[in-house]
Each structure stands twice: as structure tokens, then as C-alpha cells.
Amino acid sequence: MMFSVGDKVSVLDDDINGVVVSINNKEISIETNDGFLMTFFVNELIKINDTSILSKNIGSFNSSKIKIEKEEPKPRSFVKVKKNKNEIPAPEFDLHIEKLVPNFRGMSNYDILTLQTDTAKRHLEFAIRNRIPKIVFIHGVGEGVLKAELDFLLGRYDQVFFQEANYQKYGLGATEVFIKQNVK
């Protein structure tokens, strides 16, 4: 930002305001509102805009135009999706280890991850065989290791597309899987 002698400035990390007195390369000397002469680097200062310009602009708004805009009904920003009563919700599979085995003490991280990915693969192949169009895997947030493995697994199938599941329902911890059915 360029400064000129006479600019009103404020120090970023301190409660100090003043006027630029001199400029020497990257150092700017200011006279504070208390009458002290202080020197700062350019990156430590910010120019203060003249508020009289702001007050002139505030008076120039057309209030009748604003009233008309407020009275006009705005289209709703969300679309409510009507669900078919006969529609079966997508099956959800929770891949958290405590949901898969009664006791996982003594299992290594590798064993846990292998069990989780094998479970996901088994459910996915069942859905493909039985022509289930959509399933949801709940993997949790954690460090993202299971999600990365799940993404790798799902990427190996040509007829499978996946995305983050509904944030309002699952947060960031689920993946929605769509299975494209072959037309016979």
C-alpha cells in the first residue's frame, strides 16, 4: 500500500493512530494523536479512510428504492424435495470398528483397517449383485485413513460413482455411493 505525507494511519498491532510525517524507503515516521514521533515499517501500518466521504455516500442512498426491493418477495433459496412414500431409503453401513466386532482389543491398526475395507467391499458387491442403486458408508472423520482407503476401493469399480453424503444428516463422516445399473 502506498502512503503519502499527511495520510491518517493506524498501527496494526497497537492502539496507535497518527499522521504520516516522513517516508524513508520502507520506514514511515508518524506523529501520533498524542504528539509523539514514532517510526514503523510499511507492513505495520494501515491507511485510515476519511469518514467524511463515507457520510456523504450514506446520504446518497435512495430509501424509496430500498423499500420497494424489500417488499418484493424473494424466491426461496432452498428447494424442498418431495419424497415418494414407496421409495426405500438407501442402506447405511457403519464402518466404525466398534460396530463391526464386539471386542477389537489386540487388533493392530492394519487389522482394523483391513476388516473395515473388506466389510465395505462385501456390502458394495452385494449391492451391485442385487441391483441396489445407492448405499451409504459411514466412516467418520478421524484422520481420514479409512475414507482414503474407501475412496481407493470405490475408484476400482467402473459402474460406481461416489461423493460426500448429505452433510446435514451425516456431517463430513460419510460417503454416498451410486451404482450405475447395466441395462439388459
N, C-alpha and C. Protein backbone atom coordinates (compact mmCIF):
# COMPACT_ATOMS: atom_id res chain seq x y z
N MET A 1 0.86 -1.17 0.00
CA MET A 1 0.00 0.00 0.00
C MET A 1 0.90 1.23 0.00
N MET A 2 0.56 2.20 -0.78
CA MET A 2 1.34 3.42 -0.88
C MET A 2 0.85 4.44 0.15
N PHE A 3 1.80 5.05 0.84
CA PHE A 3 1.48 6.08 1.81
C PHE A 3 2.04 7.40 1.32
N SER A 4 1.40 8.48 1.72
CA SER A 4 1.87 9.83 1.39
C SER A 4 1.93 10.63 2.68
N VAL A 5 2.78 11.65 2.67
CA VAL A 5 2.85 12.53 3.82
C VAL A 5 1.48 13.17 4.01
N GLY A 6 0.97 13.16 5.25
CA GLY A 6 -0.33 13.72 5.56
C GLY A 6 -1.43 12.67 5.67
N ASP A 7 -1.16 11.40 5.25
CA ASP A 7 -2.16 10.34 5.37
C ASP A 7 -2.42 10.00 6.84
N LYS A 8 -3.67 9.74 7.17
CA LYS A 8 -4.00 9.26 8.51
C LYS A 8 -3.78 7.76 8.51
N VAL A 9 -3.07 7.26 9.55
CA VAL A 9 -2.74 5.84 9.61
C VAL A 9 -3.03 5.30 11.00
N SER A 10 -3.10 3.96 11.06
CA SER A 10 -3.27 3.26 12.32
C SER A 10 -2.25 2.13 12.35
N VAL A 11 -1.68 1.86 13.52
CA VAL A 11 -0.72 0.77 13.69
C VAL A 11 -1.51 -0.52 13.86
N LEU A 12 -1.12 -1.56 13.11
CA LEU A 12 -1.88 -2.81 13.12
C LEU A 12 -1.91 -3.49 14.48
N ASP A 13 -0.77 -3.62 15.15
CA ASP A 13 -0.71 -4.39 16.38
C ASP A 13 -0.82 -3.56 17.65
N ASP A 14 -1.02 -2.25 17.54
CA ASP A 14 -1.14 -1.38 18.70
C ASP A 14 -2.31 -0.43 18.51
N ASP A 15 -2.74 0.14 19.62
CA ASP A 15 -3.81 1.13 19.57
C ASP A 15 -3.18 2.51 19.40
N ILE A 16 -2.55 2.70 18.25
CA ILE A 16 -1.86 3.97 17.96
C ILE A 16 -2.35 4.47 16.62
N ASN A 17 -2.79 5.73 16.58
CA ASN A 17 -3.20 6.39 15.35
C ASN A 17 -2.37 7.64 15.19
N GLY A 18 -2.19 8.07 13.95
CA GLY A 18 -1.42 9.28 13.72
C GLY A 18 -1.45 9.70 12.27
N VAL A 19 -0.54 10.67 11.95
CA VAL A 19 -0.44 11.22 10.61
C VAL A 19 0.98 11.01 10.11
N VAL A 20 1.13 10.60 8.83
CA VAL A 20 2.45 10.37 8.24
C VAL A 20 3.19 11.71 8.14
N VAL A 21 4.43 11.71 8.71
CA VAL A 21 5.25 12.92 8.69
C VAL A 21 6.34 12.79 7.63
N SER A 22 6.99 11.59 7.56
CA SER A 22 8.03 11.39 6.56
C SER A 22 8.09 9.93 6.17
N ILE A 23 8.62 9.70 4.95
CA ILE A 23 8.74 8.35 4.42
C ILE A 23 10.18 8.14 3.97
N ASN A 24 10.82 7.06 4.48
CA ASN A 24 12.20 6.75 4.13
C ASN A 24 12.26 5.27 3.76
N ASN A 25 12.24 4.97 2.45
CA ASN A 25 12.19 3.58 1.95
C ASN A 25 11.00 2.84 2.56
N LYS A 26 11.26 1.80 3.39
CA LYS A 26 10.17 1.01 3.96
C LYS A 26 9.81 1.47 5.37
N GLU A 27 10.44 2.57 5.84
CA GLU A 27 10.14 3.09 7.17
C GLU A 27 9.32 4.37 7.05
N ILE A 28 8.30 4.45 7.88
CA ILE A 28 7.42 5.61 7.86
C ILE A 28 7.38 6.21 9.25
N SER A 29 7.63 7.51 9.33
CA SER A 29 7.54 8.21 10.62
C SER A 29 6.18 8.86 10.71
N ILE A 30 5.54 8.68 11.87
CA ILE A 30 4.23 9.28 12.07
C ILE A 30 4.25 10.12 13.34
N GLU A 31 3.37 11.11 13.37
CA GLU A 31 3.14 11.86 14.60
C GLU A 31 1.82 11.34 15.15
N THR A 32 1.90 10.75 16.35
CA THR A 32 0.71 10.15 16.94
C THR A 32 -0.28 11.22 17.35
N ASN A 33 -1.50 10.80 17.65
CA ASN A 33 -2.53 11.74 18.11
C ASN A 33 -2.13 12.39 19.43
N ASP A 34 -1.20 11.73 20.17
CA ASP A 34 -0.72 12.27 21.44
C ASP A 34 0.48 13.20 21.26
N GLY A 35 0.95 13.37 20.00
CA GLY A 35 2.05 14.28 19.72
C GLY A 35 3.43 13.65 19.71
N PHE A 36 3.53 12.32 19.81
CA PHE A 36 4.83 11.66 19.79
C PHE A 36 5.23 11.34 18.36
N LEU A 37 6.54 11.33 18.08
CA LEU A 37 7.08 10.97 16.77
C LEU A 37 7.55 9.52 16.86
N MET A 38 6.97 8.65 16.02
CA MET A 38 7.32 7.22 16.05
C MET A 38 7.57 6.74 14.63
N THR A 39 8.43 5.70 14.50
CA THR A 39 8.77 5.15 13.19
C THR A 39 8.33 3.69 13.13
N PHE A 40 7.69 3.32 12.00
CA PHE A 40 7.21 1.96 11.78
C PHE A 40 7.56 1.52 10.37
N PHE A 41 7.57 0.19 10.16
CA PHE A 41 7.73 -0.34 8.81
C PHE A 41 6.38 -0.25 8.09
N VAL A 42 6.43 -0.25 6.75
CA VAL A 42 5.22 -0.11 5.93
C VAL A 42 4.19 -1.18 6.27
N ASN A 43 4.65 -2.43 6.50
CA ASN A 43 3.72 -3.53 6.75
C ASN A 43 3.09 -3.49 8.14
N GLU A 44 3.49 -2.55 8.97
CA GLU A 44 2.91 -2.41 10.31
C GLU A 44 1.80 -1.36 10.37
N LEU A 45 1.57 -0.67 9.25
CA LEU A 45 0.60 0.43 9.23
C LEU A 45 -0.53 0.15 8.24
N ILE A 46 -1.66 0.77 8.52
CA ILE A 46 -2.77 0.71 7.59
C ILE A 46 -3.35 2.13 7.46
N LYS A 47 -3.69 2.47 6.25
CA LYS A 47 -4.23 3.81 5.99
C LYS A 47 -5.68 3.87 6.47
N ILE A 48 -6.03 4.96 7.14
CA ILE A 48 -7.39 5.16 7.62
C ILE A 48 -8.11 6.05 6.62
N ASN A 49 -9.24 5.58 6.14
CA ASN A 49 -10.00 6.38 5.17
C ASN A 49 -10.70 7.54 5.87
N ASP A 50 -10.91 8.58 5.14
CA ASP A 50 -11.59 9.76 5.66
C ASP A 50 -13.07 9.45 5.81
N THR A 51 -13.61 9.56 7.01
CA THR A 51 -15.01 9.19 7.25
C THR A 51 -15.99 10.20 6.67
N SER A 52 -15.53 11.38 6.34
CA SER A 52 -16.46 12.36 5.77
C SER A 52 -16.94 11.90 4.40
N ILE A 53 -16.10 11.19 3.65
CA ILE A 53 -16.50 10.64 2.35
C ILE A 53 -17.60 9.60 2.57
N LEU A 54 -17.43 8.79 3.61
CA LEU A 54 -18.41 7.76 3.93
C LEU A 54 -19.76 8.39 4.27
N SER A 55 -19.75 9.44 5.08
CA SER A 55 -21.02 10.06 5.47
C SER A 55 -21.72 10.71 4.28
N LYS A 56 -20.96 11.19 3.30
CA LYS A 56 -21.58 11.74 2.09
C LYS A 56 -22.30 10.63 1.31
N ASN A 57 -21.65 9.44 1.23
CA ASN A 57 -22.25 8.32 0.49
C ASN A 57 -23.48 7.77 1.19
N ILE A 58 -23.49 7.80 2.51
CA ILE A 58 -24.64 7.29 3.24
C ILE A 58 -25.88 8.11 2.90
N GLY A 59 -25.73 9.40 2.78
CA GLY A 59 -26.86 10.26 2.47
C GLY A 59 -27.37 10.12 1.05
N SER A 60 -26.59 9.49 0.18
CA SER A 60 -26.99 9.41 -1.23
C SER A 60 -27.82 8.19 -1.58
N PHE A 61 -28.16 7.34 -0.59
CA PHE A 61 -28.97 6.17 -0.88
C PHE A 61 -30.41 6.57 -1.12
N ASN A 62 -31.06 5.87 -2.05
CA ASN A 62 -32.45 6.13 -2.38
C ASN A 62 -33.32 5.22 -1.52
N SER A 63 -33.91 5.77 -0.45
CA SER A 63 -34.65 4.94 0.50
C SER A 63 -35.92 4.36 -0.11
N SER A 64 -36.56 5.05 -1.04
CA SER A 64 -37.77 4.51 -1.65
C SER A 64 -37.46 3.27 -2.49
N LYS A 65 -36.30 3.29 -3.15
CA LYS A 65 -35.89 2.12 -3.95
C LYS A 65 -35.62 0.92 -3.03
N ILE A 66 -35.01 1.20 -1.89
CA ILE A 66 -34.73 0.12 -0.94
C ILE A 66 -36.03 -0.46 -0.39
N LYS A 67 -37.02 0.39 -0.09
CA LYS A 67 -38.31 -0.09 0.40
C LYS A 67 -38.97 -1.01 -0.61
N ILE A 68 -38.93 -0.63 -1.89
CA ILE A 68 -39.54 -1.43 -2.95
C ILE A 68 -38.85 -2.80 -3.04
N GLU A 69 -37.51 -2.79 -2.95
CA GLU A 69 -36.76 -4.06 -3.02
C GLU A 69 -37.12 -4.96 -1.86
N LYS A 70 -37.32 -4.36 -0.68
CA LYS A 70 -37.66 -5.17 0.50
C LYS A 70 -39.06 -5.76 0.40
N GLU A 71 -39.98 -5.05 -0.24
CA GLU A 71 -41.35 -5.51 -0.35
C GLU A 71 -41.52 -6.61 -1.39
N GLU A 72 -40.62 -6.66 -2.39
CA GLU A 72 -40.72 -7.69 -3.43
C GLU A 72 -40.40 -9.05 -2.81
N PRO A 73 -41.27 -10.03 -3.05
CA PRO A 73 -40.98 -11.36 -2.48
C PRO A 73 -39.77 -11.98 -3.20
N LYS A 74 -38.87 -12.49 -2.41
CA LYS A 74 -37.67 -13.13 -2.96
C LYS A 74 -37.94 -14.62 -3.12
N PRO A 75 -37.39 -15.21 -4.18
CA PRO A 75 -37.56 -16.66 -4.33
C PRO A 75 -36.83 -17.39 -3.20
N ARG A 76 -37.37 -18.48 -2.77
CA ARG A 76 -36.77 -19.24 -1.67
C ARG A 76 -35.44 -19.81 -2.13
N SER A 77 -34.49 -19.83 -1.21
CA SER A 77 -33.14 -20.27 -1.56
C SER A 77 -32.98 -21.79 -1.49
N PHE A 78 -33.97 -22.48 -0.97
CA PHE A 78 -33.86 -23.93 -0.91
C PHE A 78 -35.05 -24.55 -1.63
N VAL A 79 -34.85 -25.75 -2.09
CA VAL A 79 -35.91 -26.47 -2.78
C VAL A 79 -36.25 -27.68 -1.93
N LYS A 80 -37.50 -27.80 -1.55
CA LYS A 80 -37.91 -28.94 -0.75
C LYS A 80 -38.18 -30.10 -1.69
N VAL A 81 -37.48 -31.17 -1.46
CA VAL A 81 -37.62 -32.35 -2.31
C VAL A 81 -38.70 -33.24 -1.71
N LYS A 82 -39.72 -33.51 -2.51
CA LYS A 82 -40.78 -34.39 -2.05
C LYS A 82 -40.34 -35.83 -2.28
N LYS A 83 -40.43 -36.61 -1.21
CA LYS A 83 -40.02 -38.00 -1.32
C LYS A 83 -41.24 -38.86 -1.61
N ASN A 84 -41.02 -39.83 -2.46
CA ASN A 84 -42.05 -40.80 -2.78
C ASN A 84 -42.24 -41.72 -1.58
N LYS A 85 -43.47 -41.96 -1.18
CA LYS A 85 -43.73 -42.79 0.00
C LYS A 85 -43.27 -44.22 -0.22
N ASN A 86 -43.24 -44.65 -1.48
CA ASN A 86 -42.82 -46.01 -1.78
C ASN A 86 -41.30 -46.15 -1.89
N GLU A 87 -40.61 -45.01 -1.87
CA GLU A 87 -39.16 -45.04 -2.05
C GLU A 87 -38.49 -45.61 -0.80
N ILE A 88 -37.62 -46.56 -1.02
CA ILE A 88 -36.89 -47.20 0.08
C ILE A 88 -35.62 -46.40 0.31
N PRO A 89 -35.33 -46.02 1.55
CA PRO A 89 -34.11 -45.25 1.80
C PRO A 89 -32.87 -46.10 1.52
N ALA A 90 -31.77 -45.42 1.18
CA ALA A 90 -30.53 -46.13 0.87
C ALA A 90 -30.00 -46.83 2.11
N PRO A 91 -29.54 -48.07 1.97
CA PRO A 91 -28.97 -48.76 3.13
C PRO A 91 -27.71 -48.05 3.61
N GLU A 92 -27.54 -47.98 4.92
CA GLU A 92 -26.37 -47.35 5.53
C GLU A 92 -25.54 -48.42 6.22
N PHE A 93 -24.23 -48.33 6.03
CA PHE A 93 -23.33 -49.28 6.66
C PHE A 93 -22.29 -48.51 7.46
N ASP A 94 -22.31 -48.72 8.76
CA ASP A 94 -21.38 -48.04 9.66
C ASP A 94 -20.10 -48.86 9.73
N LEU A 95 -18.99 -48.26 9.31
CA LEU A 95 -17.71 -48.98 9.27
C LEU A 95 -16.85 -48.74 10.51
N HIS A 96 -17.40 -48.07 11.53
CA HIS A 96 -16.64 -47.91 12.77
C HIS A 96 -16.36 -49.30 13.34
N ILE A 97 -15.15 -49.50 13.82
CA ILE A 97 -14.73 -50.84 14.25
C ILE A 97 -15.59 -51.36 15.40
N GLU A 98 -16.03 -50.46 16.31
CA GLU A 98 -16.84 -50.92 17.44
C GLU A 98 -18.22 -51.41 16.98
N LYS A 99 -18.64 -51.06 15.76
CA LYS A 99 -19.91 -51.55 15.21
C LYS A 99 -19.73 -52.88 14.49
N LEU A 100 -18.47 -53.23 14.15
CA LEU A 100 -18.22 -54.44 13.37
C LEU A 100 -17.88 -55.64 14.23
N VAL A 101 -17.17 -55.43 15.32
CA VAL A 101 -16.77 -56.55 16.19
C VAL A 101 -17.06 -56.19 17.64
N PRO A 102 -17.39 -57.19 18.47
CA PRO A 102 -17.71 -56.89 19.87
C PRO A 102 -16.47 -56.43 20.67
N ASN A 103 -15.30 -56.94 20.34
CA ASN A 103 -14.09 -56.57 21.07
C ASN A 103 -12.93 -56.47 20.08
N PHE A 104 -12.36 -55.28 19.96
CA PHE A 104 -11.26 -55.11 19.00
C PHE A 104 -9.92 -54.91 19.70
N ARG A 105 -9.89 -55.15 21.00
CA ARG A 105 -8.61 -55.06 21.71
C ARG A 105 -7.67 -56.14 21.20
N GLY A 106 -6.43 -55.78 21.00
CA GLY A 106 -5.46 -56.74 20.49
C GLY A 106 -5.33 -56.69 18.98
N MET A 107 -6.24 -55.97 18.31
CA MET A 107 -6.15 -55.85 16.85
C MET A 107 -5.23 -54.67 16.52
N SER A 108 -4.37 -54.88 15.53
CA SER A 108 -3.50 -53.79 15.09
C SER A 108 -4.30 -52.83 14.20
N ASN A 109 -3.75 -51.66 13.97
CA ASN A 109 -4.42 -50.70 13.08
C ASN A 109 -4.61 -51.29 11.69
N TYR A 110 -3.63 -52.05 11.24
CA TYR A 110 -3.72 -52.71 9.93
C TYR A 110 -4.89 -53.69 9.90
N ASP A 111 -5.02 -54.50 10.97
CA ASP A 111 -6.11 -55.48 11.03
C ASP A 111 -7.47 -54.77 11.03
N ILE A 112 -7.56 -53.67 11.78
CA ILE A 112 -8.82 -52.92 11.86
C ILE A 112 -9.18 -52.36 10.49
N LEU A 113 -8.21 -51.72 9.82
CA LEU A 113 -8.45 -51.13 8.51
C LEU A 113 -8.81 -52.19 7.48
N THR A 114 -8.14 -53.33 7.54
CA THR A 114 -8.43 -54.43 6.61
C THR A 114 -9.85 -54.94 6.82
N LEU A 115 -10.26 -55.11 8.07
CA LEU A 115 -11.62 -55.57 8.36
C LEU A 115 -12.65 -54.55 7.85
N GLN A 116 -12.38 -53.27 8.06
CA GLN A 116 -13.31 -52.22 7.62
C GLN A 116 -13.43 -52.19 6.09
N THR A 117 -12.30 -52.27 5.37
CA THR A 117 -12.36 -52.23 3.90
C THR A 117 -12.97 -53.50 3.33
N ASP A 118 -12.68 -54.65 3.95
CA ASP A 118 -13.29 -55.91 3.50
C ASP A 118 -14.81 -55.87 3.68
N THR A 119 -15.26 -55.30 4.80
CA THR A 119 -16.70 -55.16 5.06
C THR A 119 -17.34 -54.26 4.01
N ALA A 120 -16.68 -53.14 3.72
CA ALA A 120 -17.21 -52.22 2.70
C ALA A 120 -17.27 -52.90 1.34
N LYS A 121 -16.22 -53.64 0.99
CA LYS A 121 -16.18 -54.34 -0.30
C LYS A 121 -17.31 -55.37 -0.39
N ARG A 122 -17.53 -56.11 0.70
CA ARG A 122 -18.58 -57.12 0.72
C ARG A 122 -19.97 -56.48 0.52
N HIS A 123 -20.23 -55.37 1.22
CA HIS A 123 -21.52 -54.68 1.08
C HIS A 123 -21.68 -54.08 -0.32
N LEU A 124 -20.61 -53.55 -0.87
CA LEU A 124 -20.66 -52.95 -2.20
C LEU A 124 -20.97 -54.02 -3.25
N GLU A 125 -20.29 -55.15 -3.18
CA GLU A 125 -20.51 -56.22 -4.16
C GLU A 125 -21.92 -56.82 -4.01
N PHE A 126 -22.42 -56.88 -2.79
CA PHE A 126 -23.80 -57.33 -2.57
C PHE A 126 -24.77 -56.35 -3.25
N ALA A 127 -24.53 -55.06 -3.10
CA ALA A 127 -25.41 -54.04 -3.70
C ALA A 127 -25.36 -54.12 -5.23
N ILE A 128 -24.17 -54.38 -5.78
CA ILE A 128 -24.04 -54.49 -7.24
C ILE A 128 -24.80 -55.72 -7.73
N ARG A 129 -24.62 -56.86 -7.05
CA ARG A 129 -25.29 -58.11 -7.45
C ARG A 129 -26.81 -57.99 -7.36
N ASN A 130 -27.29 -57.27 -6.34
CA ASN A 130 -28.73 -57.17 -6.11
C ASN A 130 -29.34 -55.89 -6.68
N ARG A 131 -28.59 -55.21 -7.52
CA ARG A 131 -29.07 -54.03 -8.24
C ARG A 131 -29.63 -52.95 -7.31
N ILE A 132 -28.94 -52.74 -6.20
CA ILE A 132 -29.31 -51.66 -5.27
C ILE A 132 -28.64 -50.40 -5.80
N PRO A 133 -29.41 -49.35 -6.11
CA PRO A 133 -28.85 -48.18 -6.81
C PRO A 133 -27.98 -47.27 -5.95
N LYS A 134 -28.20 -47.29 -4.62
CA LYS A 134 -27.46 -46.34 -3.79
C LYS A 134 -27.26 -46.93 -2.40
N ILE A 135 -26.03 -46.76 -1.86
CA ILE A 135 -25.75 -47.14 -0.48
C ILE A 135 -24.89 -46.04 0.15
N VAL A 136 -24.85 -46.04 1.48
CA VAL A 136 -24.07 -45.03 2.21
C VAL A 136 -23.14 -45.75 3.17
N PHE A 137 -21.86 -45.37 3.12
CA PHE A 137 -20.88 -45.87 4.08
C PHE A 137 -20.57 -44.78 5.08
N ILE A 138 -20.75 -45.08 6.36
CA ILE A 138 -20.41 -44.14 7.43
C ILE A 138 -19.02 -44.51 7.92
N HIS A 139 -18.06 -43.61 7.68
CA HIS A 139 -16.68 -43.89 8.04
C HIS A 139 -16.15 -42.99 9.14
N GLY A 140 -16.86 -41.92 9.45
CA GLY A 140 -16.38 -40.99 10.47
C GLY A 140 -15.34 -40.04 9.88
N VAL A 141 -14.92 -39.07 10.69
CA VAL A 141 -13.95 -38.08 10.21
C VAL A 141 -12.54 -38.54 10.53
N GLY A 142 -12.18 -38.64 11.79
CA GLY A 142 -10.87 -39.14 12.20
C GLY A 142 -9.72 -38.48 11.45
N GLU A 143 -8.72 -39.28 11.13
CA GLU A 143 -7.56 -38.77 10.40
C GLU A 143 -7.71 -38.95 8.89
N GLY A 144 -8.80 -39.56 8.45
CA GLY A 144 -9.07 -39.70 7.02
C GLY A 144 -8.48 -40.93 6.37
N VAL A 145 -7.91 -41.84 7.17
CA VAL A 145 -7.28 -43.04 6.60
C VAL A 145 -8.34 -43.96 6.00
N LEU A 146 -9.41 -44.23 6.76
CA LEU A 146 -10.47 -45.11 6.26
C LEU A 146 -11.15 -44.49 5.04
N LYS A 147 -11.39 -43.20 5.05
CA LYS A 147 -12.01 -42.52 3.91
C LYS A 147 -11.13 -42.66 2.67
N ALA A 148 -9.82 -42.49 2.84
CA ALA A 148 -8.90 -42.62 1.71
C ALA A 148 -8.92 -44.05 1.16
N GLU A 149 -8.92 -45.04 2.04
CA GLU A 149 -8.99 -46.44 1.60
C GLU A 149 -10.32 -46.73 0.90
N LEU A 150 -11.38 -46.16 1.43
CA LEU A 150 -12.71 -46.35 0.83
C LEU A 150 -12.76 -45.71 -0.56
N ASP A 151 -12.20 -44.50 -0.69
CA ASP A 151 -12.15 -43.84 -2.00
C ASP A 151 -11.35 -44.67 -2.99
N PHE A 152 -10.24 -45.25 -2.54
CA PHE A 152 -9.41 -46.10 -3.41
C PHE A 152 -10.20 -47.33 -3.84
N LEU A 153 -10.89 -47.96 -2.89
CA LEU A 153 -11.69 -49.15 -3.20
C LEU A 153 -12.79 -48.83 -4.21
N LEU A 154 -13.53 -47.76 -3.95
CA LEU A 154 -14.64 -47.39 -4.83
C LEU A 154 -14.16 -46.98 -6.22
N GLY A 155 -12.99 -46.40 -6.30
CA GLY A 155 -12.43 -45.97 -7.58
C GLY A 155 -12.07 -47.13 -8.50
N ARG A 156 -11.97 -48.33 -7.95
CA ARG A 156 -11.61 -49.50 -8.77
C ARG A 156 -12.81 -50.09 -9.52
N TYR A 157 -14.02 -49.59 -9.24
CA TYR A 157 -15.22 -50.10 -9.90
C TYR A 157 -15.67 -49.11 -10.97
N ASP A 158 -15.88 -49.61 -12.20
CA ASP A 158 -16.30 -48.75 -13.31
C ASP A 158 -17.72 -48.23 -13.14
N GLN A 159 -18.62 -49.06 -12.62
CA GLN A 159 -20.02 -48.68 -12.56
C GLN A 159 -20.40 -47.94 -11.27
N VAL A 160 -19.39 -47.55 -10.47
CA VAL A 160 -19.64 -46.92 -9.17
C VAL A 160 -19.20 -45.47 -9.20
N PHE A 161 -20.08 -44.59 -8.72
CA PHE A 161 -19.77 -43.17 -8.54
C PHE A 161 -20.02 -42.85 -7.08
N PHE A 162 -19.20 -41.98 -6.50
CA PHE A 162 -19.39 -41.68 -5.07
C PHE A 162 -19.11 -40.21 -4.80
N GLN A 163 -19.67 -39.75 -3.69
CA GLN A 163 -19.50 -38.36 -3.27
C GLN A 163 -19.72 -38.27 -1.77
N GLU A 164 -19.43 -37.10 -1.20
CA GLU A 164 -19.72 -36.87 0.21
C GLU A 164 -21.22 -37.04 0.40
N ALA A 165 -21.61 -37.69 1.48
CA ALA A 165 -23.04 -37.87 1.74
C ALA A 165 -23.62 -36.57 2.29
N ASN A 166 -24.93 -36.52 2.44
CA ASN A 166 -25.65 -35.34 2.91
C ASN A 166 -25.03 -34.82 4.20
N TYR A 167 -24.54 -33.58 4.16
CA TYR A 167 -23.85 -33.00 5.31
C TYR A 167 -24.79 -32.83 6.50
N GLN A 168 -26.04 -32.43 6.23
CA GLN A 168 -26.99 -32.21 7.32
C GLN A 168 -27.29 -33.50 8.08
N LYS A 169 -27.26 -34.61 7.38
CA LYS A 169 -27.59 -35.88 8.02
C LYS A 169 -26.36 -36.57 8.63
N TYR A 170 -25.22 -36.52 7.92
CA TYR A 170 -24.05 -37.29 8.34
C TYR A 170 -22.85 -36.45 8.75
N GLY A 171 -22.87 -35.15 8.49
CA GLY A 171 -21.66 -34.35 8.71
C GLY A 171 -20.65 -34.70 7.62
N LEU A 172 -19.37 -34.67 7.97
CA LEU A 172 -18.33 -34.97 6.99
C LEU A 172 -17.93 -36.45 7.00
N GLY A 173 -18.59 -37.25 7.80
CA GLY A 173 -18.12 -38.61 8.01
C GLY A 173 -18.81 -39.70 7.24
N ALA A 174 -19.32 -39.41 6.04
CA ALA A 174 -19.98 -40.48 5.28
C ALA A 174 -19.79 -40.26 3.78
N THR A 175 -19.84 -41.36 3.04
CA THR A 175 -19.71 -41.33 1.59
C THR A 175 -20.94 -42.00 0.98
N GLU A 176 -21.53 -41.32 0.00
CA GLU A 176 -22.71 -41.83 -0.69
C GLU A 176 -22.23 -42.50 -1.98
N VAL A 177 -22.66 -43.72 -2.22
CA VAL A 177 -22.21 -44.50 -3.37
C VAL A 177 -23.39 -44.76 -4.30
N PHE A 178 -23.22 -44.39 -5.59
CA PHE A 178 -24.24 -44.63 -6.59
C PHE A 178 -23.75 -45.74 -7.52
N ILE A 179 -24.62 -46.71 -7.77
CA ILE A 179 -24.23 -47.84 -8.63
C ILE A 179 -25.03 -47.77 -9.91
N LYS A 180 -24.32 -47.57 -11.01
CA LYS A 180 -24.96 -47.50 -12.33
C LYS A 180 -25.30 -48.92 -12.76
N GLN A 181 -26.59 -49.12 -13.05
CA GLN A 181 -27.05 -50.46 -13.41
C GLN A 181 -26.93 -50.67 -14.90
N ASN A 182 -26.51 -51.85 -15.29
CA ASN A 182 -26.44 -52.17 -16.71
C ASN A 182 -27.85 -52.48 -17.22
N VAL A 183 -28.17 -51.94 -18.40
CA VAL A 183 -29.48 -52.19 -18.99
C VAL A 183 -29.40 -53.50 -19.77
N LYS A 184 -30.29 -54.45 -19.44
CA LYS A 184 -30.25 -55.75 -20.12
C LYS A 184 -31.44 -55.93 -21.00
